[in-house]
């Protein structure tokens, strides 16, 4: 999965970006990479979907006006 939250602030990470990163870093995922312009995470379908739910809810509640999200399925069937 890849995601970004908006609005951007180049001077300081906005609350919604901090919350989104905390959600992903504390999720039970296999790999997480956070950066100033995008974040990625890998894991099983259930773990990713649980993290996405929390990410969306908490980032929006913390002031995000937009969350761009891309989820790729590789070698695992979603049920």
PDB file of N, CA and C in Angstrom:
ATOM      1  N   UNK A   1       0.835  -1.151   0.000  1.00  0.00           N
ATOM      2  CA  UNK A   1       0.000   0.000   0.000  1.00  0.00           C
ATOM      3  C   UNK A   1       0.886   1.222   0.000  1.00  0.00           C
ATOM      4  N   UNK A   2       0.434   2.262  -0.670  1.00  0.00           N
ATOM      5  CA  UNK A   2       1.101   3.560  -0.653  1.00  0.00           C
ATOM      6  C   UNK A   2       0.056   4.594  -0.281  1.00  0.00           C
ATOM      7  N   UNK A   3       0.455   5.601   0.509  1.00  0.00           N
ATOM      8  CA  UNK A   3      -0.506   6.645   0.838  1.00  0.00           C
ATOM      9  C   UNK A   3       0.178   7.966   1.127  1.00  0.00           C
ATOM     10  N   UNK A   4      -0.576   9.031   0.938  1.00  0.00           N
ATOM     11  CA  UNK A   4      -0.191  10.374   1.352  1.00  0.00           C
ATOM     12  C   UNK A   4      -1.428  11.039   1.934  1.00  0.00           C
ATOM     13  N   UNK A   5      -1.203  12.007   2.802  1.00  0.00           N
ATOM     14  CA  UNK A   5      -2.305  12.796   3.346  1.00  0.00           C
ATOM     15  C   UNK A   5      -2.064  14.256   2.994  1.00  0.00           C
ATOM     16  N   UNK A   6      -3.133  14.987   2.874  1.00  0.00           N
ATOM     17  CA  UNK A   6      -3.056  16.413   2.552  1.00  0.00           C
ATOM     18  C   UNK A   6      -3.959  17.184   3.497  1.00  0.00           C
ATOM     19  N   UNK A   7      -3.739  18.452   3.703  1.00  0.00           N
ATOM     20  CA  UNK A   7      -2.829  19.333   2.985  1.00  0.00           C
ATOM     21  C   UNK A   7      -1.380  19.182   3.464  1.00  0.00           C
ATOM     22  N   UNK A   8      -0.473  19.497   2.543  1.00  0.00           N
ATOM     23  CA  UNK A   8       0.958  19.439   2.821  1.00  0.00           C
ATOM     24  C   UNK A   8       1.397  20.678   3.593  1.00  0.00           C
ATOM     25  N   UNK A   9       2.437  20.522   4.361  1.00  0.00           N
ATOM     26  CA  UNK A   9       3.095  21.637   5.027  1.00  0.00           C
ATOM     27  C   UNK A   9       4.578  21.305   5.024  1.00  0.00           C
ATOM     28  N   UNK A  10       5.354  22.042   4.263  1.00  0.00           N
ATOM     29  CA  UNK A  10       6.778  21.746   4.134  1.00  0.00           C
ATOM     30  C   UNK A  10       7.591  22.159   5.360  1.00  0.00           C
ATOM     31  N   UNK A  11       7.037  23.054   6.189  1.00  0.00           N
ATOM     32  CA  UNK A  11       7.768  23.519   7.366  1.00  0.00           C
ATOM     33  C   UNK A  11       7.660  22.562   8.545  1.00  0.00           C
ATOM     34  N   UNK A  12       6.505  21.919   8.677  1.00  0.00           N
ATOM     35  CA  UNK A  12       6.254  21.074   9.842  1.00  0.00           C
ATOM     36  C   UNK A  12       5.213  20.022   9.474  1.00  0.00           C
ATOM     37  N   UNK A  13       5.385  18.811   9.961  1.00  0.00           N
ATOM     38  CA  UNK A  13       4.422  17.745   9.661  1.00  0.00           C
ATOM     39  C   UNK A  13       3.082  18.061  10.323  1.00  0.00           C
ATOM     40  N   UNK A  14       1.999  18.121   9.534  1.00  0.00           N
ATOM     41  CA  UNK A  14       0.687  18.391  10.115  1.00  0.00           C
ATOM     42  C   UNK A  14       0.219  17.225  10.992  1.00  0.00           C
ATOM     43  N   UNK A  15      -0.708  17.498  11.873  1.00  0.00           N
ATOM     44  CA  UNK A  15      -1.211  16.480  12.806  1.00  0.00           C
ATOM     45  C   UNK A  15      -1.716  15.243  12.076  1.00  0.00           C
ATOM     46  N   UNK A  16      -2.417  15.416  10.961  1.00  0.00           N
ATOM     47  CA  UNK A  16      -2.955  14.264  10.242  1.00  0.00           C
ATOM     48  C   UNK A  16      -1.845  13.377   9.684  1.00  0.00           C
ATOM     49  N   UNK A  17      -0.732  13.965   9.271  1.00  0.00           N
ATOM     50  CA  UNK A  17       0.393  13.179   8.761  1.00  0.00           C
ATOM     51  C   UNK A  17       1.068  12.409   9.889  1.00  0.00           C
ATOM     52  N   UNK A  18       1.204  13.035  11.030  1.00  0.00           N
ATOM     53  CA  UNK A  18       1.812  12.375  12.184  1.00  0.00           C
ATOM     54  C   UNK A  18       0.946  11.195  12.629  1.00  0.00           C
ATOM     55  N   UNK A  19      -0.354  11.416  12.721  1.00  0.00           N
ATOM     56  CA  UNK A  19      -1.275  10.357  13.129  1.00  0.00           C
ATOM     57  C   UNK A  19      -1.246   9.204  12.131  1.00  0.00           C
ATOM     58  N   UNK A  20      -1.270   9.512  10.840  1.00  0.00           N
ATOM     59  CA  UNK A  20      -1.260   8.466   9.814  1.00  0.00           C
ATOM     60  C   UNK A  20       0.007   7.619   9.924  1.00  0.00           C
ATOM     61  N   UNK A  21       1.127   8.260  10.120  1.00  0.00           N
ATOM     62  CA  UNK A  21       2.382   7.520  10.255  1.00  0.00           C
ATOM     63  C   UNK A  21       2.393   6.666  11.518  1.00  0.00           C
ATOM     64  N   UNK A  22       1.859   7.199  12.613  1.00  0.00           N
ATOM     65  CA  UNK A  22       1.778   6.422  13.856  1.00  0.00           C
ATOM     66  C   UNK A  22       0.914   5.175  13.664  1.00  0.00           C
ATOM     67  N   UNK A  23      -0.211   5.331  12.966  1.00  0.00           N
ATOM     68  CA  UNK A  23      -1.100   4.199  12.712  1.00  0.00           C
ATOM     69  C   UNK A  23      -0.355   3.114  11.949  1.00  0.00           C
ATOM     70  N   UNK A  24       0.334   3.497  10.885  1.00  0.00           N
ATOM     71  CA  UNK A  24       1.017   2.519  10.041  1.00  0.00           C
ATOM     72  C   UNK A  24       2.210   1.900  10.775  1.00  0.00           C
ATOM     73  N   UNK A  25       2.953   2.704  11.502  1.00  0.00           N
ATOM     74  CA  UNK A  25       4.118   2.170  12.208  1.00  0.00           C
ATOM     75  C   UNK A  25       3.720   1.223  13.346  1.00  0.00           C
ATOM     76  N   UNK A  26       2.537   1.402  13.912  1.00  0.00           N
ATOM     77  CA  UNK A  26       2.111   0.533  15.012  1.00  0.00           C
ATOM     78  C   UNK A  26       1.266  -0.650  14.539  1.00  0.00           C
ATOM     79  N   UNK A  27       0.919  -0.686  13.258  1.00  0.00           N
ATOM     80  CA  UNK A  27       0.126  -1.791  12.713  1.00  0.00           C
ATOM     81  C   UNK A  27       0.984  -3.045  12.583  1.00  0.00           C
ATOM     82  N   UNK A  28       0.322  -4.171  12.516  1.00  0.00           N
ATOM     83  CA  UNK A  28       1.029  -5.449  12.378  1.00  0.00           C
ATOM     84  C   UNK A  28       1.323  -5.734  10.906  1.00  0.00           C
ATOM     85  N   UNK A  29       2.250  -4.953  10.355  1.00  0.00           N
ATOM     86  CA  UNK A  29       2.611  -5.066   8.947  1.00  0.00           C
ATOM     87  C   UNK A  29       4.030  -5.600   8.817  1.00  0.00           C
ATOM     88  N   UNK A  30       4.339  -6.152   7.647  1.00  0.00           N
ATOM     89  CA  UNK A  30       5.650  -6.755   7.417  1.00  0.00           C
ATOM     90  C   UNK A  30       6.746  -5.729   7.167  1.00  0.00           C
ATOM     91  N   UNK A  31       6.425  -4.655   6.462  1.00  0.00           N
ATOM     92  CA  UNK A  31       7.415  -3.637   6.124  1.00  0.00           C
ATOM     93  C   UNK A  31       6.732  -2.282   6.052  1.00  0.00           C
ATOM     94  N   UNK A  32       7.386  -1.268   6.595  1.00  0.00           N
ATOM     95  CA  UNK A  32       6.844   0.094   6.594  1.00  0.00           C
ATOM     96  C   UNK A  32       7.977   1.046   6.251  1.00  0.00           C
ATOM     97  N   UNK A  33       7.697   1.985   5.350  1.00  0.00           N
ATOM     98  CA  UNK A  33       8.668   3.017   4.997  1.00  0.00           C
ATOM     99  C   UNK A  33       7.919   4.341   4.964  1.00  0.00           C
ATOM    100  N   UNK A  34       8.278   5.268   5.861  1.00  0.00           N
ATOM    101  CA  UNK A  34       7.619   6.565   5.892  1.00  0.00           C
ATOM    102  C   UNK A  34       8.572   7.627   5.380  1.00  0.00           C
ATOM    103  N   UNK A  35       8.016   8.591   4.675  1.00  0.00           N
ATOM    104  CA  UNK A  35       8.818   9.665   4.119  1.00  0.00           C
ATOM    105  C   UNK A  35       8.013  10.940   4.042  1.00  0.00           C
ATOM    106  N   UNK A  36       8.644  12.038   3.702  1.00  0.00           N
ATOM    107  CA  UNK A  36       7.954  13.330   3.687  1.00  0.00           C
ATOM    108  C   UNK A  36       6.909  13.464   2.577  1.00  0.00           C
ATOM    109  N   UNK A  37       7.051  12.700   1.497  1.00  0.00           N
ATOM    110  CA  UNK A  37       6.129  12.845   0.374  1.00  0.00           C
ATOM    111  C   UNK A  37       5.345  11.584   0.053  1.00  0.00           C
ATOM    112  N   UNK A  38       5.519  10.550   0.847  1.00  0.00           N
ATOM    113  CA  UNK A  38       4.786   9.320   0.613  1.00  0.00           C
ATOM    114  C   UNK A  38       5.206   8.250   1.597  1.00  0.00           C
ATOM    115  N   UNK A  39       4.329   7.300   1.780  1.00  0.00           N
ATOM    116  CA  UNK A  39       4.557   6.236   2.750  1.00  0.00           C
ATOM    117  C   UNK A  39       4.151   4.924   2.110  1.00  0.00           C
ATOM    118  N   UNK A  40       4.871   3.860   2.449  1.00  0.00           N
ATOM    119  CA  UNK A  40       4.524   2.542   1.927  1.00  0.00           C
ATOM    120  C   UNK A  40       4.501   1.540   3.072  1.00  0.00           C
ATOM    121  N   UNK A  41       3.698   0.509   2.875  1.00  0.00           N
ATOM    122  CA  UNK A  41       3.620  -0.572   3.856  1.00  0.00           C
ATOM    123  C   UNK A  41       3.248  -1.844   3.133  1.00  0.00           C
ATOM    124  N   UNK A  42       3.711  -2.957   3.677  1.00  0.00           N
ATOM    125  CA  UNK A  42       3.415  -4.265   3.105  1.00  0.00           C
ATOM    126  C   UNK A  42       2.941  -5.191   4.204  1.00  0.00           C
ATOM    127  N   UNK A  43       2.063  -6.104   3.827  1.00  0.00           N
ATOM    128  CA  UNK A  43       1.589  -7.083   4.784  1.00  0.00           C
ATOM    129  C   UNK A  43       0.484  -7.920   4.180  1.00  0.00           C
ATOM    130  N   UNK A  44      -0.043  -8.822   4.986  1.00  0.00           N
ATOM    131  CA  UNK A  44      -1.152  -9.655   4.549  1.00  0.00           C
ATOM    132  C   UNK A  44      -2.411  -8.829   4.360  1.00  0.00           C
ATOM    133  N   UNK A  45      -3.347  -9.368   3.600  1.00  0.00           N
ATOM    134  CA  UNK A  45      -4.568  -8.630   3.264  1.00  0.00           C
ATOM    135  C   UNK A  45      -5.310  -8.149   4.511  1.00  0.00           C
ATOM    136  N   UNK A  46      -5.522  -9.021   5.472  1.00  0.00           N
ATOM    137  CA  UNK A  46      -6.253  -8.620   6.678  1.00  0.00           C
ATOM    138  C   UNK A  46      -5.539  -7.509   7.433  1.00  0.00           C
ATOM    139  N   UNK A  47      -4.226  -7.610   7.557  1.00  0.00           N
ATOM    140  CA  UNK A  47      -3.463  -6.594   8.274  1.00  0.00           C
ATOM    141  C   UNK A  47      -3.491  -5.255   7.537  1.00  0.00           C
ATOM    142  N   UNK A  48      -3.350  -5.293   6.219  1.00  0.00           N
ATOM    143  CA  UNK A  48      -3.375  -4.057   5.437  1.00  0.00           C
ATOM    144  C   UNK A  48      -4.758  -3.413   5.503  1.00  0.00           C
ATOM    145  N   UNK A  49      -5.810  -4.201   5.341  1.00  0.00           N
ATOM    146  CA  UNK A  49      -7.155  -3.638   5.371  1.00  0.00           C
ATOM    147  C   UNK A  49      -7.500  -3.061   6.740  1.00  0.00           C
ATOM    148  N   UNK A  50      -7.055  -3.697   7.793  1.00  0.00           N
ATOM    149  CA  UNK A  50      -7.269  -3.156   9.142  1.00  0.00           C
ATOM    150  C   UNK A  50      -6.526  -1.834   9.301  1.00  0.00           C
ATOM    151  N   UNK A  51      -5.293  -1.790   8.827  1.00  0.00           N
ATOM    152  CA  UNK A  51      -4.497  -0.565   8.918  1.00  0.00           C
ATOM    153  C   UNK A  51      -5.109   0.555   8.080  1.00  0.00           C
ATOM    154  N   UNK A  52      -5.612   0.229   6.895  1.00  0.00           N
ATOM    155  CA  UNK A  52      -6.231   1.241   6.027  1.00  0.00           C
ATOM    156  C   UNK A  52      -7.462   1.840   6.705  1.00  0.00           C
ATOM    157  N   UNK A  53      -8.282   1.006   7.315  1.00  0.00           N
ATOM    158  CA  UNK A  53      -9.470   1.499   8.011  1.00  0.00           C
ATOM    159  C   UNK A  53      -9.081   2.502   9.092  1.00  0.00           C
ATOM    160  N   UNK A  54      -8.129   2.136   9.921  1.00  0.00           N
ATOM    161  CA  UNK A  54      -7.686   3.017  10.991  1.00  0.00           C
ATOM    162  C   UNK A  54      -7.016   4.276  10.438  1.00  0.00           C
ATOM    163  N   UNK A  55      -6.196   4.097   9.411  1.00  0.00           N
ATOM    164  CA  UNK A  55      -5.515   5.224   8.771  1.00  0.00           C
ATOM    165  C   UNK A  55      -6.520   6.258   8.277  1.00  0.00           C
ATOM    166  N   UNK A  56      -7.513   5.826   7.530  1.00  0.00           N
ATOM    167  CA  UNK A  56      -8.497   6.752   6.983  1.00  0.00           C
ATOM    168  C   UNK A  56      -9.283   7.456   8.083  1.00  0.00           C
ATOM    169  N   UNK A  57      -9.783   6.701   9.025  1.00  0.00           N
ATOM    170  CA  UNK A  57     -10.591   7.284  10.102  1.00  0.00           C
ATOM    171  C   UNK A  57      -9.799   8.295  10.928  1.00  0.00           C
ATOM    172  N   UNK A  58      -8.603   7.924  11.326  1.00  0.00           N
ATOM    173  CA  UNK A  58      -7.823   8.793  12.210  1.00  0.00           C
ATOM    174  C   UNK A  58      -7.221   9.992  11.487  1.00  0.00           C
ATOM    175  N   UNK A  59      -6.765   9.805  10.244  1.00  0.00           N
ATOM    176  CA  UNK A  59      -6.197  10.939   9.493  1.00  0.00           C
ATOM    177  C   UNK A  59      -7.277  11.980   9.200  1.00  0.00           C
ATOM    178  N   UNK A  60      -8.449  11.528   8.783  1.00  0.00           N
ATOM    179  CA  UNK A  60      -9.536  12.471   8.506  1.00  0.00           C
ATOM    180  C   UNK A  60      -9.994  13.183   9.779  1.00  0.00           C
ATOM    181  N   UNK A  61     -10.053  12.455  10.887  1.00  0.00           N
ATOM    182  CA  UNK A  61     -10.439  13.061  12.158  1.00  0.00           C
ATOM    183  C   UNK A  61      -9.393  14.063  12.652  1.00  0.00           C
ATOM    184  N   UNK A  62      -8.164  13.932  12.166  1.00  0.00           N
ATOM    185  CA  UNK A  62      -7.067  14.815  12.584  1.00  0.00           C
ATOM    186  C   UNK A  62      -6.828  15.966  11.615  1.00  0.00           C
ATOM    187  N   UNK A  63      -7.736  16.159  10.668  1.00  0.00           N
ATOM    188  CA  UNK A  63      -7.632  17.323   9.799  1.00  0.00           C
ATOM    189  C   UNK A  63      -7.239  17.082   8.362  1.00  0.00           C
ATOM    190  N   UNK A  64      -7.011  15.840   7.962  1.00  0.00           N
ATOM    191  CA  UNK A  64      -6.697  15.595   6.549  1.00  0.00           C
ATOM    192  C   UNK A  64      -7.905  15.968   5.695  1.00  0.00           C
ATOM    193  N   UNK A  65      -7.641  16.631   4.598  1.00  0.00           N
ATOM    194  CA  UNK A  65      -8.709  16.970   3.659  1.00  0.00           C
ATOM    195  C   UNK A  65      -8.703  16.019   2.470  1.00  0.00           C
ATOM    196  N   UNK A  66      -7.633  15.243   2.371  1.00  0.00           N
ATOM    197  CA  UNK A  66      -7.518  14.272   1.291  1.00  0.00           C
ATOM    198  C   UNK A  66      -6.520  13.193   1.698  1.00  0.00           C
ATOM    199  N   UNK A  67      -6.861  11.957   1.390  1.00  0.00           N
ATOM    200  CA  UNK A  67      -5.942  10.846   1.577  1.00  0.00           C
ATOM    201  C   UNK A  67      -5.854  10.125   0.242  1.00  0.00           C
ATOM    202  N   UNK A  68      -4.670  10.084  -0.331  1.00  0.00           N
ATOM    203  CA  UNK A  68      -4.455   9.347  -1.573  1.00  0.00           C
ATOM    204  C   UNK A  68      -3.899   7.985  -1.196  1.00  0.00           C
ATOM    205  N   UNK A  69      -4.554   6.948  -1.700  1.00  0.00           N
ATOM    206  CA  UNK A  69      -4.227   5.599  -1.278  1.00  0.00           C
ATOM    207  C   UNK A  69      -4.199   4.673  -2.482  1.00  0.00           C
ATOM    208  N   UNK A  70      -3.188   3.838  -2.530  1.00  0.00           N
ATOM    209  CA  UNK A  70      -3.095   2.815  -3.574  1.00  0.00           C
ATOM    210  C   UNK A  70      -2.780   1.498  -2.892  1.00  0.00           C
ATOM    211  N   UNK A  71      -3.588   0.476  -3.203  1.00  0.00           N
ATOM    212  CA  UNK A  71      -3.372  -0.842  -2.628  1.00  0.00           C
ATOM    213  C   UNK A  71      -3.149  -1.819  -3.787  1.00  0.00           C
ATOM    214  N   UNK A  72      -2.062  -2.555  -3.731  1.00  0.00           N
ATOM    215  CA  UNK A  72      -1.749  -3.577  -4.729  1.00  0.00           C
ATOM    216  C   UNK A  72      -1.805  -4.938  -4.056  1.00  0.00           C
ATOM    217  N   UNK A  73      -2.401  -5.892  -4.725  1.00  0.00           N
ATOM    218  CA  UNK A  73      -2.451  -7.265  -4.226  1.00  0.00           C
ATOM    219  C   UNK A  73      -1.441  -8.080  -5.010  1.00  0.00           C
ATOM    220  N   UNK A  74      -0.536  -8.723  -4.288  1.00  0.00           N
ATOM    221  CA  UNK A  74       0.512  -9.518  -4.922  1.00  0.00           C
ATOM    222  C   UNK A  74       0.485 -10.904  -4.305  1.00  0.00           C
ATOM    223  N   UNK A  75       0.060 -11.863  -5.079  1.00  0.00           N
ATOM    224  CA  UNK A  75       0.143 -13.261  -4.664  1.00  0.00           C
ATOM    225  C   UNK A  75      -0.711 -13.665  -3.494  1.00  0.00           C
ATOM    226  N   UNK A  76      -1.761 -12.936  -3.187  1.00  0.00           N
ATOM    227  CA  UNK A  76      -2.626 -13.315  -2.093  1.00  0.00           C
ATOM    228  C   UNK A  76      -4.069 -13.035  -2.495  1.00  0.00           C
ATOM    229  N   UNK A  77      -4.923 -13.972  -2.231  1.00  0.00           N
ATOM    230  CA  UNK A  77      -6.327 -13.826  -2.582  1.00  0.00           C
ATOM    231  C   UNK A  77      -7.080 -13.164  -1.442  1.00  0.00           C
ATOM    232  N   UNK A  78      -7.891 -12.143  -1.762  1.00  0.00           N
ATOM    233  CA  UNK A  78      -8.717 -11.480  -0.762  1.00  0.00           C
ATOM    234  C   UNK A  78     -10.053 -12.198  -0.694  1.00  0.00           C
ATOM    235  N   UNK A  79     -10.497 -12.486   0.492  1.00  0.00           N
ATOM    236  CA  UNK A  79     -11.786 -13.169   0.677  1.00  0.00           C
ATOM    237  C   UNK A  79     -12.768 -12.287   1.343  1.00  0.00           C
TER     238      UNK A  79
END
